[in-house]
Amino acid sequence: MEAYKIWAIVSLLIYFAALLVMSLWKTKNETKEDFFLAGRNFPHWALALTFVASWFGGNSALISIDQAFEEGISAWWIIGSPSVLAVLALMIFAKAIRRVGSMSQSGIMEKRYNKTSGALLSVLIVWYMITWGASQMVAISNFFSSIFGISYGLTLVICVAICIVYATIGGFRAVVFTEMLQFGFIILGLLITLGAALYFSNGFDAIKAAAVAKEKTEYFNFFAHFGKNFLFLFSFGLAWVIDAAAWQRVSAAKSPTEARKISFATMIYFIPIYFLVVIIGVAAGAIFTELPEGGIVSSLVKDYLHPFLGAIVLVGIGAAIMSTITTTMNAGSLYMTELYRTHFNKNASEKQLVRFGMLGTIIISVFGMIIAVRIPDALWVLWMSSDILAAGLFVPLIFGFFWRRGTSTGALASIIFGCGFVLYNFFIDLGFNLPSFWPGDARRILIGVAIGFSAYFIGSFLSKPEYAKADKFMEETQFLKRTKDQSDDQMINL
């Protein structure tokens, strides 16, 4: 067996053992709030670290590097730009989200609109978490199977089983503890990969010469391919502003002020990390003439790095992906538990809800694995899941904070028509012979968002106003009051 495989196996076993120990440490899951929000006891810096670790998954660590190798520095727009945009928007809404006090977005929708809209949101969030988790499962299975030479399916089962164990045992508390550890490995692994890419590329002149030889004239143009990249920014950005895992971390803050600090700290972490992966991909352009089978990172580990350093990179990349997988498990099971409590067992005890949350974690994982086997394309699966949020949930959820005329009918119409359009296209992509009168590529998300936006406003204007409910919600969130106060302060300063 090659030396790098021995180092990698030993390192991964030690790492997985550490995850299990941390998931059992100080485990306290007596109530639903303990299991899904860790009792709201973590400081903002810890939640910010887990925010980064959960979002910076396989698509960021692997796909962005490979995309940068192919397209140059403009690849930053694919994953980096929507992540920064989403965090900036969350900085605006963080305090209002925390003031509501709900554990989930479904609770917010119920307070602002009605139970039906909350239930529909829960169903779609569960679907989103399953597909988002599936995209990460694809990434980690492709990565490790290329490293160890074992089958994609076996790798998928092993990695997901490990995630299930510590996410089920420890709940959100275990997710936070393990993601803090994973964040350190992510950064260390990226720095080692960056050093290797820069060293073996022989410097900027060699990188530039390689780009010229490959006739990639826009390799160093930050705004190249902007038409296509804008669709990533638009689709991912709108979806990630209302990402349920992100809102879960904001809701887990000790106070509204701490909630906003989470968003700010996350943005500070995100900006350099996403540029880091782009630099790695660009530097690799002088090492490889074409994209290696298994990806850039896999080839650097096997063929260029010392086995010990390669093992650290493997753990770092694995940490990035597994942290996101466990986040989707925990967040998805939260919404399944909300559906169970609201519509099937209103008198469920806290212990029953915790047990159902554990079961939900397993269910989310199984369905994610099915999709990962059926559609082994991580970026495509991620895009599909993001479109659902962008087209159907963004408008009613965000506009509910400040548009008083928005009604339950409008919210339901937006969810049904916006998400219905995305799901219809999903079945077309799966091979169903259905009629289509719009572009079959990424541009259709523009149509989906327009449909969801129009349905919300038309449905709201055609239905009876719900001012009393809207005023009560807005008074609770204090969003408009806070915005007005900030504007007044800025005018005074001017």
Protein backbone atom coordinates (compact mmCIF):
# COMPACT_ATOMS: atom_id res chain seq x y z
CA MET A 1 0.00 0.00 0.00
CA GLU A 2 1.29 3.47 -0.91
CA ALA A 3 2.67 5.53 1.96
CA TYR A 4 0.14 8.34 1.56
CA LYS A 5 -2.73 5.85 1.97
CA ILE A 6 -1.29 4.50 5.23
CA TRP A 7 -0.82 8.01 6.62
CA ALA A 8 -4.28 9.00 5.44
CA ILE A 9 -6.03 5.99 6.98
CA VAL A 10 -4.31 6.44 10.36
CA SER A 11 -5.01 10.18 10.40
CA LEU A 12 -8.66 9.74 9.46
CA LEU A 13 -9.19 7.07 12.13
CA ILE A 14 -7.73 9.39 14.77
CA TYR A 15 -9.85 12.25 13.47
CA PHE A 16 -13.07 10.22 13.48
CA ALA A 17 -12.33 9.04 17.03
CA ALA A 18 -11.87 12.67 18.09
CA LEU A 19 -15.22 13.58 16.53
CA LEU A 20 -16.94 10.79 18.45
CA VAL A 21 -15.38 11.88 21.75
CA MET A 22 -16.41 15.51 21.17
CA SER A 23 -19.95 14.47 20.27
CA LEU A 24 -20.24 12.68 23.62
CA TRP A 25 -18.61 15.47 25.64
CA LYS A 26 -21.09 17.44 27.75
CA THR A 27 -24.00 15.97 25.84
CA LYS A 28 -27.24 17.41 27.17
CA ASN A 29 -30.29 16.77 25.06
CA GLU A 30 -33.14 16.81 27.52
CA THR A 31 -35.27 19.22 25.49
CA LYS A 32 -35.84 20.08 21.85
CA GLU A 33 -34.02 23.38 22.36
CA ASP A 34 -31.02 21.48 23.70
CA PHE A 35 -30.95 19.13 20.72
CA PHE A 36 -31.40 21.76 17.99
CA LEU A 37 -30.01 25.00 19.50
CA ALA A 38 -27.67 23.71 22.24
CA GLY A 39 -29.73 25.60 24.82
CA ARG A 40 -28.66 28.94 23.25
CA ASN A 41 -25.51 28.88 25.38
CA PHE A 42 -22.71 29.20 22.80
CA PRO A 43 -20.88 32.55 22.34
CA HIS A 44 -21.06 34.34 19.00
CA TRP A 45 -17.48 33.50 17.97
CA ALA A 46 -18.13 29.76 18.36
CA LEU A 47 -21.33 29.97 16.32
CA ALA A 48 -19.48 32.01 13.67
CA LEU A 49 -16.84 29.29 13.37
CA THR A 50 -19.51 26.62 12.96
CA PHE A 51 -21.28 28.90 10.46
CA VAL A 52 -18.13 28.95 8.29
CA ALA A 53 -17.44 25.23 8.74
CA SER A 54 -21.00 24.30 7.80
CA TRP A 55 -21.14 26.44 4.65
CA PHE A 56 -17.59 25.88 3.50
CA GLY A 57 -18.22 22.33 2.38
CA GLY A 58 -17.18 20.12 -0.49
CA ASN A 59 -18.43 22.49 -3.16
CA SER A 60 -16.27 25.30 -1.78
CA ALA A 61 -13.16 23.31 -1.02
CA LEU A 62 -13.11 21.09 -4.10
CA ILE A 63 -15.40 22.40 -6.82
CA SER A 64 -14.25 26.03 -6.46
CA ILE A 65 -10.62 24.96 -6.80
CA ASP A 66 -11.38 22.92 -9.91
CA GLN A 67 -13.49 25.75 -11.36
CA ALA A 68 -10.65 28.23 -10.75
CA PHE A 69 -8.27 25.87 -12.54
CA GLU A 70 -10.58 25.90 -15.58
CA GLU A 71 -11.79 29.53 -15.57
CA GLY A 72 -9.28 31.55 -13.55
CA ILE A 73 -9.92 34.03 -10.76
CA SER A 74 -13.48 34.76 -11.93
CA ALA A 75 -14.45 31.41 -10.37
CA TRP A 76 -14.69 33.32 -7.06
CA TRP A 77 -18.14 34.47 -8.13
CA ILE A 78 -19.53 30.94 -8.21
CA ILE A 79 -19.44 30.17 -4.47
CA GLY A 80 -17.61 33.07 -2.85
CA SER A 81 -19.80 35.97 -3.98
CA PRO A 82 -23.18 34.48 -2.96
CA SER A 83 -21.73 33.48 0.42
CA VAL A 84 -20.53 37.02 1.16
CA LEU A 85 -23.80 38.50 -0.16
CA ALA A 86 -25.87 36.19 2.03
CA VAL A 87 -23.90 37.01 5.17
CA LEU A 88 -24.16 40.76 4.48
CA ALA A 89 -27.95 40.41 4.22
CA LEU A 90 -28.08 38.34 7.41
CA MET A 91 -26.27 41.13 9.24
CA ILE A 92 -29.32 43.29 8.51
CA PHE A 93 -31.91 40.71 9.59
CA ALA A 94 -30.01 38.89 12.39
CA LYS A 95 -31.41 40.87 15.33
CA ALA A 96 -34.97 40.63 14.04
CA ILE A 97 -34.65 36.87 13.52
CA ARG A 98 -33.38 36.37 17.05
CA ARG A 99 -36.07 38.62 18.58
CA VAL A 100 -38.82 36.39 17.18
CA GLY A 101 -37.45 33.63 19.40
CA SER A 102 -38.61 30.80 17.13
CA MET A 103 -36.39 27.78 16.73
CA SER A 104 -37.04 27.56 13.00
CA GLN A 105 -38.21 29.50 9.98
CA SER A 106 -41.49 27.60 10.05
CA GLY A 107 -42.23 29.20 13.41
CA ILE A 108 -41.52 32.63 11.90
CA MET A 109 -43.83 31.91 8.95
CA GLU A 110 -46.60 30.78 11.32
CA LYS A 111 -46.34 33.98 13.34
CA ARG A 112 -46.27 36.21 10.26
CA TYR A 113 -48.77 34.32 8.08
CA ASN A 114 -50.41 31.03 9.11
CA LYS A 115 -49.74 27.39 9.96
CA THR A 116 -50.21 26.20 6.39
CA SER A 117 -47.40 28.42 5.09
CA GLY A 118 -45.22 27.24 7.98
CA ALA A 119 -45.91 23.61 7.12
CA LEU A 120 -45.15 24.11 3.42
CA LEU A 121 -41.92 25.89 4.32
CA SER A 122 -40.92 22.97 6.56
CA VAL A 123 -41.52 20.45 3.78
CA LEU A 124 -39.42 22.46 1.33
CA ILE A 125 -36.64 23.09 3.83
CA VAL A 126 -36.45 19.35 4.49
CA TRP A 127 -36.16 18.83 0.73
CA TYR A 128 -33.48 21.53 0.53
CA MET A 129 -31.46 19.97 3.35
CA ILE A 130 -31.69 16.53 1.76
CA THR A 131 -30.46 17.81 -1.61
CA TRP A 132 -27.82 20.09 -0.08
CA GLY A 133 -26.56 17.17 1.99
CA ALA A 134 -26.61 15.00 -1.12
CA SER A 135 -24.35 17.45 -2.96
CA GLN A 136 -21.82 17.17 -0.14
CA MET A 137 -22.12 13.38 -0.11
CA VAL A 138 -21.28 13.37 -3.82
CA ALA A 139 -18.25 15.58 -3.18
CA ILE A 140 -16.79 13.54 -0.33
CA SER A 141 -17.46 10.20 -2.04
CA ASN A 142 -15.77 11.30 -5.27
CA PHE A 143 -12.83 12.72 -3.32
CA PHE A 144 -12.08 9.77 -1.05
CA SER A 145 -12.82 7.13 -3.67
CA SER A 146 -10.22 8.75 -5.94
CA ILE A 147 -7.71 8.81 -3.07
CA PHE A 148 -8.14 5.25 -1.81
CA GLY A 149 -9.24 3.55 -5.01
CA ILE A 150 -12.44 2.12 -3.53
CA SER A 151 -15.91 2.32 -5.02
CA TYR A 152 -18.02 5.47 -4.91
CA GLY A 153 -20.90 3.64 -3.21
CA LEU A 154 -18.79 2.13 -0.41
CA THR A 155 -17.14 5.47 0.28
CA LEU A 156 -20.56 7.11 0.44
CA VAL A 157 -21.87 4.59 2.99
CA ILE A 158 -18.81 4.85 5.26
CA CYS A 159 -18.69 8.66 5.34
CA VAL A 160 -22.42 9.13 5.87
CA ALA A 161 -22.49 6.47 8.60
CA ILE A 162 -19.81 8.36 10.55
CA CYS A 163 -21.76 11.61 10.19
CA ILE A 164 -24.96 9.93 11.36
CA VAL A 165 -23.33 8.61 14.52
CA TYR A 166 -22.09 11.87 15.98
CA ALA A 167 -24.94 14.05 14.66
CA THR A 168 -27.53 11.69 16.17
CA ILE A 169 -25.81 11.24 19.53
CA GLY A 170 -24.93 14.83 20.27
CA GLY A 171 -27.39 16.96 18.29
CA PHE A 172 -26.54 20.61 17.57
CA ARG A 173 -24.16 20.79 20.53
CA ALA A 174 -22.07 18.02 18.98
CA VAL A 175 -22.28 19.72 15.59
CA VAL A 176 -20.87 22.96 17.07
CA PHE A 177 -18.08 21.26 19.04
CA THR A 178 -16.99 19.11 16.11
CA GLU A 179 -17.23 21.97 13.61
CA MET A 180 -14.94 24.11 15.77
CA LEU A 181 -12.37 21.31 15.49
CA GLN A 182 -13.09 20.93 11.79
CA PHE A 183 -12.61 24.65 11.17
CA GLY A 184 -9.00 24.37 12.34
CA PHE A 185 -8.35 21.39 10.08
CA ILE A 186 -10.01 23.17 7.14
CA ILE A 187 -7.70 26.19 7.43
CA LEU A 188 -4.59 24.07 7.98
CA GLY A 189 -5.41 21.82 5.03
CA LEU A 190 -6.03 24.78 2.73
CA LEU A 191 -2.78 26.49 3.72
CA ILE A 192 -0.78 23.33 3.02
CA THR A 193 -2.53 22.92 -0.34
CA LEU A 194 -1.87 26.58 -1.16
CA GLY A 195 1.83 26.19 -0.32
CA ALA A 196 2.11 23.10 -2.49
CA ALA A 197 0.29 24.72 -5.43
CA LEU A 198 2.47 27.83 -5.31
CA TYR A 199 5.71 25.84 -4.87
CA PHE A 200 5.16 23.36 -7.68
CA SER A 201 3.76 26.00 -10.06
CA ASN A 202 7.16 27.76 -10.04
CA GLY A 203 5.69 31.22 -9.50
CA PHE A 204 3.43 33.72 -11.21
CA ASP A 205 5.36 33.88 -14.47
CA ALA A 206 4.93 30.14 -14.95
CA ILE A 207 1.22 30.39 -14.12
CA LYS A 208 0.81 33.22 -16.63
CA ALA A 209 2.74 31.32 -19.29
CA ALA A 210 0.58 28.23 -18.77
CA ALA A 211 -2.59 30.29 -19.22
CA VAL A 212 -1.23 31.77 -22.46
CA ALA A 213 -0.29 28.30 -23.73
CA LYS A 214 -3.82 27.08 -23.06
CA GLU A 215 -5.21 30.21 -24.80
CA LYS A 216 -7.11 31.26 -21.69
CA THR A 217 -7.06 34.98 -22.36
CA GLU A 218 -9.37 35.88 -19.46
CA TYR A 219 -7.71 33.72 -16.84
CA PHE A 220 -6.82 36.73 -14.69
CA ASN A 221 -9.96 38.76 -15.44
CA PHE A 222 -12.00 38.89 -12.25
CA PHE A 223 -15.20 39.73 -14.16
CA ALA A 224 -14.84 37.17 -16.95
CA HIS A 225 -17.84 34.92 -17.67
CA PHE A 226 -19.91 37.33 -15.60
CA GLY A 227 -23.17 36.48 -17.34
CA LYS A 228 -22.95 32.86 -16.23
CA ASN A 229 -21.44 33.68 -12.84
CA PHE A 230 -24.20 36.20 -12.15
CA LEU A 231 -26.70 33.35 -12.29
CA PHE A 232 -24.72 31.58 -9.56
CA LEU A 233 -24.70 34.80 -7.53
CA PHE A 234 -28.42 35.30 -8.09
CA SER A 235 -29.56 31.73 -7.42
CA PHE A 236 -27.20 30.82 -4.58
CA GLY A 237 -27.29 34.33 -3.07
CA LEU A 238 -31.07 34.54 -2.72
CA ALA A 239 -31.24 30.98 -1.42
CA TRP A 240 -28.43 31.33 1.11
CA VAL A 241 -29.85 34.54 2.57
CA ILE A 242 -32.67 32.36 3.90
CA ASP A 243 -30.59 29.22 4.41
CA ALA A 244 -32.17 27.38 7.32
CA ALA A 245 -28.83 26.25 8.75
CA ALA A 246 -27.63 29.87 8.86
CA TRP A 247 -30.84 31.03 10.55
CA GLN A 248 -30.49 28.14 13.01
CA ARG A 249 -27.14 29.54 14.14
CA VAL A 250 -28.56 33.05 14.42
CA SER A 251 -31.48 31.68 16.44
CA ALA A 252 -29.03 29.83 18.69
CA ALA A 253 -27.38 33.11 19.77
CA LYS A 254 -27.69 34.23 23.37
CA SER A 255 -29.23 37.59 22.40
CA PRO A 256 -30.12 39.73 19.34
CA THR A 257 -26.83 41.62 19.69
CA GLU A 258 -24.88 38.34 19.73
CA ALA A 259 -26.84 37.22 16.66
CA ARG A 260 -25.58 40.16 14.64
CA LYS A 261 -22.02 39.57 15.82
CA ILE A 262 -22.23 36.04 14.39
CA SER A 263 -22.94 37.39 10.90
CA PHE A 264 -20.19 40.00 11.07
CA ALA A 265 -17.55 37.52 12.28
CA THR A 266 -18.60 35.03 9.61
CA MET A 267 -18.11 37.59 6.84
CA ILE A 268 -14.60 38.38 8.13
CA TYR A 269 -13.74 34.66 7.89
CA PHE A 270 -15.39 34.09 4.51
CA ILE A 271 -13.70 36.73 2.36
CA PRO A 272 -10.08 35.48 2.65
CA ILE A 273 -11.05 31.79 2.63
CA TYR A 274 -12.83 31.98 -0.72
CA PHE A 275 -9.97 33.90 -2.31
CA LEU A 276 -7.64 31.25 -0.91
CA VAL A 277 -9.30 28.42 -2.84
CA VAL A 278 -9.29 30.48 -6.05
CA ILE A 279 -5.55 31.10 -5.76
CA ILE A 280 -4.98 27.36 -5.31
CA GLY A 281 -6.92 26.57 -8.49
CA VAL A 282 -5.19 29.27 -10.53
CA ALA A 283 -1.73 28.20 -9.35
CA ALA A 284 -2.53 24.61 -10.31
CA GLY A 285 -2.90 25.81 -13.88
CA ALA A 286 0.90 25.71 -14.15
CA ILE A 287 1.11 22.20 -12.68
CA PHE A 288 -1.49 20.31 -14.71
CA THR A 289 -2.20 20.64 -18.41
CA GLU A 290 -5.78 19.50 -17.92
CA LEU A 291 -8.08 18.86 -14.97
CA PRO A 292 -6.91 15.58 -13.36
CA GLU A 293 -9.34 12.77 -12.76
CA GLY A 294 -10.50 13.13 -9.18
CA GLY A 295 -9.73 16.86 -9.09
CA ILE A 296 -6.83 19.16 -8.27
CA VAL A 297 -6.61 18.49 -4.53
CA SER A 298 -6.71 14.74 -4.93
CA SER A 299 -3.84 14.81 -7.43
CA LEU A 300 -1.73 17.15 -5.29
CA VAL A 301 -2.15 14.83 -2.31
CA LYS A 302 -1.25 11.67 -4.23
CA ASP A 303 1.52 12.90 -6.47
CA TYR A 304 3.13 15.98 -4.95
CA LEU A 305 2.76 16.21 -1.16
CA HIS A 306 4.66 14.34 1.52
CA PRO A 307 2.37 11.59 2.89
CA PHE A 308 2.14 13.29 6.30
CA LEU A 309 1.17 16.65 4.81
CA GLY A 310 -1.18 14.92 2.39
CA ALA A 311 -2.91 13.25 5.32
CA ILE A 312 -3.51 16.64 6.95
CA VAL A 313 -5.03 17.96 3.72
CA LEU A 314 -7.27 14.90 3.49
CA VAL A 315 -8.51 15.46 7.03
CA GLY A 316 -9.05 19.16 6.29
CA ILE A 317 -11.07 18.54 3.15
CA GLY A 318 -12.98 15.72 4.82
CA ALA A 319 -13.70 18.04 7.74
CA ALA A 320 -15.07 20.71 5.42
CA ILE A 321 -17.45 18.32 3.73
CA MET A 322 -18.55 16.34 6.78
CA SER A 323 -19.30 19.50 8.74
CA THR A 324 -21.77 20.51 6.04
CA ILE A 325 -23.31 17.05 5.87
CA THR A 326 -23.97 16.99 9.62
CA THR A 327 -25.41 20.51 9.44
CA THR A 328 -27.94 19.40 6.83
CA MET A 329 -28.82 16.38 8.97
CA ASN A 330 -29.44 18.41 12.11
CA ALA A 331 -31.24 21.32 10.44
CA GLY A 332 -33.36 19.01 8.29
CA SER A 333 -34.42 16.94 11.28
CA LEU A 334 -35.41 20.17 13.09
CA TYR A 335 -38.02 20.89 10.42
CA MET A 336 -39.21 17.30 10.36
CA THR A 337 -39.68 17.53 14.13
CA GLU A 338 -41.62 20.79 13.75
CA LEU A 339 -43.97 19.07 11.28
CA TYR A 340 -44.37 16.11 13.62
CA ARG A 341 -45.16 18.31 16.63
CA THR A 342 -47.54 20.65 14.83
CA HIS A 343 -49.51 18.23 12.67
CA PHE A 344 -49.17 14.73 14.13
CA ASN A 345 -48.50 14.88 17.87
CA LYS A 346 -49.30 18.25 19.44
CA ASN A 347 -48.89 16.84 22.94
CA ALA A 348 -45.50 15.24 22.33
CA SER A 349 -43.15 15.40 25.31
CA GLU A 350 -39.68 16.91 25.07
CA LYS A 351 -38.16 13.43 25.20
CA GLN A 352 -40.37 12.27 22.32
CA LEU A 353 -39.36 15.29 20.24
CA VAL A 354 -35.67 14.63 20.87
CA ARG A 355 -36.07 10.99 19.84
CA PHE A 356 -37.97 11.99 16.72
CA GLY A 357 -35.19 14.50 15.95
CA MET A 358 -32.68 11.65 16.10
CA LEU A 359 -34.85 9.58 13.78
CA GLY A 360 -35.19 12.56 11.44
CA THR A 361 -31.40 12.79 11.24
CA ILE A 362 -31.26 9.25 9.92
CA ILE A 363 -34.13 9.78 7.46
CA ILE A 364 -32.49 12.91 6.02
CA SER A 365 -29.26 10.94 5.57
CA VAL A 366 -30.89 8.01 3.78
CA PHE A 367 -32.73 10.16 1.26
CA GLY A 368 -29.59 12.23 0.70
CA MET A 369 -27.67 9.05 -0.11
CA ILE A 370 -30.33 7.99 -2.62
CA ILE A 371 -30.00 11.29 -4.49
CA ALA A 372 -26.18 11.14 -4.30
CA VAL A 373 -26.29 7.73 -6.00
CA ARG A 374 -28.87 8.82 -8.56
CA ILE A 375 -27.26 12.19 -9.48
CA PRO A 376 -23.47 12.12 -8.79
CA ASP A 377 -22.97 15.79 -9.77
CA ALA A 378 -22.36 17.91 -6.66
CA LEU A 379 -22.68 21.36 -8.25
CA TRP A 380 -25.85 20.49 -10.15
CA VAL A 381 -27.55 19.05 -7.04
CA LEU A 382 -26.57 22.14 -5.02
CA TRP A 383 -27.95 24.43 -7.70
CA MET A 384 -31.21 22.48 -7.83
CA SER A 385 -31.69 22.73 -4.07
CA SER A 386 -30.87 26.45 -4.01
CA ASP A 387 -33.37 27.25 -6.76
CA ILE A 388 -36.21 26.00 -4.58
CA LEU A 389 -35.42 28.49 -1.83
CA ALA A 390 -34.75 31.36 -4.23
CA ALA A 391 -37.95 30.92 -6.26
CA GLY A 392 -40.47 29.97 -3.60
CA LEU A 393 -39.38 31.01 -0.11
CA PHE A 394 -37.19 34.09 -0.39
CA VAL A 395 -39.92 36.65 -1.13
CA PRO A 396 -42.53 35.71 1.53
CA LEU A 397 -39.92 35.10 4.23
CA ILE A 398 -37.92 38.31 3.71
CA PHE A 399 -40.76 40.64 2.72
CA GLY A 400 -42.70 39.48 5.75
CA PHE A 401 -40.34 41.49 7.94
CA PHE A 402 -41.15 44.86 6.40
CA TRP A 403 -44.09 44.69 3.94
CA ARG A 404 -47.24 45.15 6.00
CA ARG A 405 -49.62 44.35 3.12
CA GLY A 406 -48.21 40.86 2.58
CA THR A 407 -50.82 38.20 3.39
CA SER A 408 -51.03 34.48 4.03
CA THR A 409 -52.61 34.00 0.61
CA GLY A 410 -49.70 35.79 -1.04
CA ALA A 411 -47.18 33.69 0.89
CA LEU A 412 -48.90 30.44 -0.09
CA ALA A 413 -49.14 31.52 -3.73
CA SER A 414 -45.42 32.36 -3.84
CA ILE A 415 -44.43 29.03 -2.31
CA ILE A 416 -46.72 26.95 -4.51
CA PHE A 417 -46.01 28.63 -7.86
CA GLY A 418 -42.32 29.44 -7.32
CA CYS A 419 -41.34 26.05 -5.94
CA GLY A 420 -43.72 24.29 -8.33
CA PHE A 421 -41.82 25.76 -11.27
CA VAL A 422 -38.47 24.54 -9.89
CA LEU A 423 -39.76 21.05 -9.11
CA TYR A 424 -41.29 20.82 -12.58
CA ASN A 425 -37.87 21.52 -14.10
CA PHE A 426 -36.30 19.04 -11.70
CA PHE A 427 -38.43 16.25 -13.17
CA ILE A 428 -37.45 17.37 -16.67
CA ASP A 429 -33.79 17.11 -15.66
CA LEU A 430 -34.41 13.62 -14.33
CA GLY A 431 -35.56 12.55 -17.79
CA PHE A 432 -39.33 12.93 -17.64
CA ASN A 433 -40.80 13.90 -21.02
CA LEU A 434 -42.57 17.12 -19.99
CA PRO A 435 -43.20 20.20 -22.17
CA SER A 436 -40.92 23.20 -21.60
CA PHE A 437 -41.23 26.69 -23.12
CA TRP A 438 -38.23 28.34 -21.46
CA PRO A 439 -34.43 27.94 -21.53
CA GLY A 440 -33.24 24.61 -20.19
CA ASP A 441 -30.14 26.06 -18.56
CA ALA A 442 -29.48 28.11 -15.43
CA ARG A 443 -31.36 31.14 -16.81
CA ARG A 444 -34.65 29.58 -15.83
CA ILE A 445 -34.05 30.58 -12.19
CA LEU A 446 -34.79 34.17 -13.28
CA ILE A 447 -38.20 32.98 -14.45
CA GLY A 448 -38.75 31.02 -11.23
CA VAL A 449 -37.98 34.01 -8.99
CA ALA A 450 -40.19 36.28 -11.12
CA ILE A 451 -43.04 33.78 -10.76
CA GLY A 452 -42.62 33.58 -6.98
CA PHE A 453 -42.33 37.37 -6.69
CA SER A 454 -45.43 38.00 -8.83
CA ALA A 455 -47.49 35.36 -7.04
CA TYR A 456 -46.72 36.90 -3.65
CA PHE A 457 -47.79 40.41 -4.63
CA ILE A 458 -50.81 39.39 -6.70
CA GLY A 459 -52.02 37.00 -4.00
CA SER A 460 -51.53 39.64 -1.31
CA PHE A 461 -53.39 42.38 -3.19
CA LEU A 462 -56.27 40.07 -4.11
CA SER A 463 -56.77 38.90 -0.52
CA LYS A 464 -57.98 40.68 2.59
CA PRO A 465 -55.28 42.61 4.48
CA GLU A 466 -53.97 41.07 7.71
CA TYR A 467 -52.70 44.24 9.34
CA ALA A 468 -53.24 43.15 12.94
CA LYS A 469 -51.12 40.03 12.50
CA ALA A 470 -48.47 41.90 10.51
CA ASP A 471 -48.26 44.74 13.05
CA LYS A 472 -47.88 42.30 15.94
CA PHE A 473 -45.06 40.47 14.15
CA MET A 474 -43.26 43.67 13.14
CA GLU A 475 -43.52 45.05 16.66
CA GLU A 476 -41.95 41.86 17.98
CA THR A 477 -39.04 41.91 15.51
CA GLN A 478 -38.54 45.70 15.75
CA PHE A 479 -36.99 45.48 12.28
CA LEU A 480 -38.54 48.64 10.82
CA LYS A 481 -38.00 50.59 14.03
CA ARG A 482 -34.34 49.62 14.13
CA THR A 483 -33.87 50.51 10.47
CA LYS A 484 -35.50 53.91 10.99
CA ASP A 485 -33.41 54.57 14.10
CA GLN A 486 -30.22 53.77 12.17
CA SER A 487 -31.26 56.12 9.34
CA ASP A 488 -31.97 58.91 11.84
CA ASP A 489 -28.56 58.41 13.43
CA GLN A 490 -26.87 58.62 10.05
CA MET A 491 -28.71 61.85 9.21
CA ILE A 492 -27.64 63.35 12.54
CA ASN A 493 -24.03 62.37 11.89
CA LEU A 494 -24.19 64.00 8.47
